[in-house]
Each structure stands twice: as structure tokens, then as C-alpha cells.
Amino acid sequence: MSVQQRIRYWRTTLRLTLGLLVLWFLVTFGVSFFARELDFTFFGWPFSFWMAAQGSLLIYGIIITVYAVAMGRLDKALEEQERRDRA
């Protein structure tokens, strides 16, 4: 694997991780900080209560899934590139 490939792989990994961490921060702290302003009904419950009880957990699961799928694709693309370089 060339140095440029390693740099590109690392930058892509960092961008993905940073983006998902920003989403995590917004869900964890943003919703709780603005809970009073998020005062509307969602599926019959106050939205702030729903996010604290259910929504955050769903979004955390989505974050984990997105990371696993994206890294799997990135690793697969890197393996394909290495195979082409060897041939």
C-alpha cells in the first residue's frame, strides 16, 4: 500500500468519525439542552421526552450501523486497490 493510499484512507476514516461524533454530540447534548424549546407532540408524547426515552437510543444504533457499513466498504475498496497494485 502506498503512502498516498494510507493518507487517503486515514483522512476518510477521520472525516467519517468526526461527522458521526458531531451527530452524537448533537443528539446527546443538543436535545437535552434545548428540551424546553422542543415542546411539541410526537406520537402522542412530548418530543423531548420521546428523544430522551427512545429516540436517542435509535440514533445511537444508527450511528453504529453507519460506521460499521462505511468502514466495511472502505476496507473492501482498500483491499481491491491493493490487489490491483500487486497484479
C-alpha atoms as a PDB file:
ATOM      1  CA  MET A   1       0.000   0.000   0.000  1.00  0.00           C
ATOM      2  CA  SER A   2       1.394   3.366  -0.980  1.00  0.00           C
ATOM      3  CA  VAL A   3       1.768   6.289   1.370  1.00  0.00           C
ATOM      4  CA  GLN A   4      -0.887   8.241  -0.543  1.00  0.00           C
ATOM      5  CA  GLN A   5      -3.377   5.402  -0.153  1.00  0.00           C
ATOM      6  CA  ARG A   6      -2.726   5.282   3.583  1.00  0.00           C
ATOM      7  CA  ILE A   7      -3.184   9.042   3.890  1.00  0.00           C
ATOM      8  CA  ARG A   8      -6.448   8.930   1.884  1.00  0.00           C
ATOM      9  CA  TYR A   9      -7.710   6.007   3.989  1.00  0.00           C
ATOM     10  CA  TRP A  10      -6.843   7.767   7.237  1.00  0.00           C
ATOM     11  CA  ARG A  11      -8.446  11.075   6.152  1.00  0.00           C
ATOM     12  CA  THR A  12     -11.633   9.283   5.099  1.00  0.00           C
ATOM     13  CA  THR A  13     -11.738   7.444   8.417  1.00  0.00           C
ATOM     14  CA  LEU A  14     -11.205  10.685  10.344  1.00  0.00           C
ATOM     15  CA  ARG A  15     -13.933  12.516   8.385  1.00  0.00           C
ATOM     16  CA  LEU A  16     -16.405   9.703   8.997  1.00  0.00           C
ATOM     17  CA  THR A  17     -15.556   9.507  12.690  1.00  0.00           C
ATOM     18  CA  LEU A  18     -15.734  13.276  13.139  1.00  0.00           C
ATOM     19  CA  GLY A  19     -19.082  13.502  11.367  1.00  0.00           C
ATOM     20  CA  LEU A  20     -20.586  10.750  13.478  1.00  0.00           C
ATOM     21  CA  LEU A  21     -19.166  12.278  16.668  1.00  0.00           C
ATOM     22  CA  VAL A  22     -20.780  15.610  15.790  1.00  0.00           C
ATOM     23  CA  LEU A  23     -24.092  13.816  15.269  1.00  0.00           C
ATOM     24  CA  TRP A  24     -23.643  12.004  18.592  1.00  0.00           C
ATOM     25  CA  PHE A  25     -22.911  15.322  20.350  1.00  0.00           C
ATOM     26  CA  LEU A  26     -25.967  16.992  18.838  1.00  0.00           C
ATOM     27  CA  VAL A  27     -28.222  14.123  19.833  1.00  0.00           C
ATOM     28  CA  THR A  28     -26.792  13.756  23.335  1.00  0.00           C
ATOM     29  CA  PHE A  29     -26.319  17.355  24.396  1.00  0.00           C
ATOM     30  CA  GLY A  30     -28.288  19.370  21.874  1.00  0.00           C
ATOM     31  CA  VAL A  31     -31.632  17.719  22.503  1.00  0.00           C
ATOM     32  CA  SER A  32     -31.285  17.836  26.282  1.00  0.00           C
ATOM     33  CA  PHE A  33     -30.066  21.460  26.215  1.00  0.00           C
ATOM     34  CA  PHE A  34     -32.982  22.594  24.058  1.00  0.00           C
ATOM     35  CA  ALA A  35     -35.570  20.258  25.622  1.00  0.00           C
ATOM     36  CA  ARG A  36     -37.845  23.090  26.743  1.00  0.00           C
ATOM     37  CA  GLU A  37     -37.894  24.554  23.219  1.00  0.00           C
ATOM     38  CA  LEU A  38     -38.672  21.130  21.722  1.00  0.00           C
ATOM     39  CA  ASP A  39     -42.164  21.251  23.158  1.00  0.00           C
ATOM     40  CA  PHE A  40     -44.381  19.589  20.565  1.00  0.00           C
ATOM     41  CA  THR A  41     -46.215  16.273  20.434  1.00  0.00           C
ATOM     42  CA  PHE A  42     -44.587  13.332  18.647  1.00  0.00           C
ATOM     43  CA  PHE A  43     -46.529  10.035  18.540  1.00  0.00           C
ATOM     44  CA  GLY A  44     -48.676  11.289  21.422  1.00  0.00           C
ATOM     45  CA  TRP A  45     -45.770  12.189  23.712  1.00  0.00           C
ATOM     46  CA  PRO A  46     -43.759  15.370  24.209  1.00  0.00           C
ATOM     47  CA  PHE A  47     -40.854  15.258  21.741  1.00  0.00           C
ATOM     48  CA  SER A  48     -38.205  15.960  24.395  1.00  0.00           C
ATOM     49  CA  PHE A  49     -39.449  13.002  26.471  1.00  0.00           C
ATOM     50  CA  TRP A  50     -39.562  10.764  23.387  1.00  0.00           C
ATOM     51  CA  MET A  51     -35.995  11.684  22.395  1.00  0.00           C
ATOM     52  CA  ALA A  52     -34.707  11.049  25.897  1.00  0.00           C
ATOM     53  CA  ALA A  53     -36.532   7.731  26.247  1.00  0.00           C
ATOM     54  CA  GLN A  54     -36.378   6.220  22.754  1.00  0.00           C
ATOM     55  CA  GLY A  55     -35.063   8.478  20.028  1.00  0.00           C
ATOM     56  CA  SER A  56     -31.521   8.810  21.313  1.00  0.00           C
ATOM     57  CA  LEU A  57     -31.101   5.049  21.547  1.00  0.00           C
ATOM     58  CA  LEU A  58     -32.364   4.613  17.993  1.00  0.00           C
ATOM     59  CA  ILE A  59     -29.984   7.255  16.690  1.00  0.00           C
ATOM     60  CA  TYR A  60     -27.041   5.690  18.559  1.00  0.00           C
ATOM     61  CA  GLY A  61     -27.848   2.366  16.898  1.00  0.00           C
ATOM     62  CA  ILE A  62     -27.982   4.095  13.511  1.00  0.00           C
ATOM     63  CA  ILE A  63     -24.610   5.766  14.179  1.00  0.00           C
ATOM     64  CA  ILE A  64     -23.036   2.386  14.971  1.00  0.00           C
ATOM     65  CA  THR A  65     -24.577   0.804  11.874  1.00  0.00           C
ATOM     66  CA  VAL A  66     -23.462   3.633   9.580  1.00  0.00           C
ATOM     67  CA  TYR A  67     -19.914   3.424  10.943  1.00  0.00           C
ATOM     68  CA  ALA A  68     -19.730  -0.359  10.528  1.00  0.00           C
ATOM     69  CA  VAL A  69     -21.116  -0.316   6.977  1.00  0.00           C
ATOM     70  CA  ALA A  70     -18.975   2.634   5.866  1.00  0.00           C
ATOM     71  CA  MET A  71     -15.773   1.168   7.301  1.00  0.00           C
ATOM     72  CA  GLY A  72     -16.566  -2.213   5.750  1.00  0.00           C
ATOM     73  CA  ARG A  73     -16.922  -0.578   2.348  1.00  0.00           C
ATOM     74  CA  LEU A  74     -13.773   1.469   2.845  1.00  0.00           C
ATOM     75  CA  ASP A  75     -11.769  -1.601   3.863  1.00  0.00           C
ATOM     76  CA  LYS A  76     -13.129  -3.561   0.914  1.00  0.00           C
ATOM     77  CA  ALA A  77     -12.174  -0.765  -1.503  1.00  0.00           C
ATOM     78  CA  LEU A  78      -8.694  -0.653   0.008  1.00  0.00           C
ATOM     79  CA  GLU A  79      -8.290  -4.420  -0.388  1.00  0.00           C
ATOM     80  CA  GLU A  80      -9.372  -4.186  -4.034  1.00  0.00           C
ATOM     81  CA  GLN A  81      -6.869  -1.415  -4.656  1.00  0.00           C
ATOM     82  CA  GLU A  82      -4.089  -3.448  -3.043  1.00  0.00           C
ATOM     83  CA  ARG A  83      -4.964  -6.448  -5.245  1.00  0.00           C
ATOM     84  CA  ARG A  84      -4.816  -4.278  -8.357  1.00  0.00           C
ATOM     85  CA  ASP A  85      -1.477  -2.813  -7.265  1.00  0.00           C
ATOM     86  CA  ARG A  86       0.024  -6.282  -6.765  1.00  0.00           C
ATOM     87  CA  ALA A  87      -1.114  -7.550 -10.164  1.00  0.00           C
END
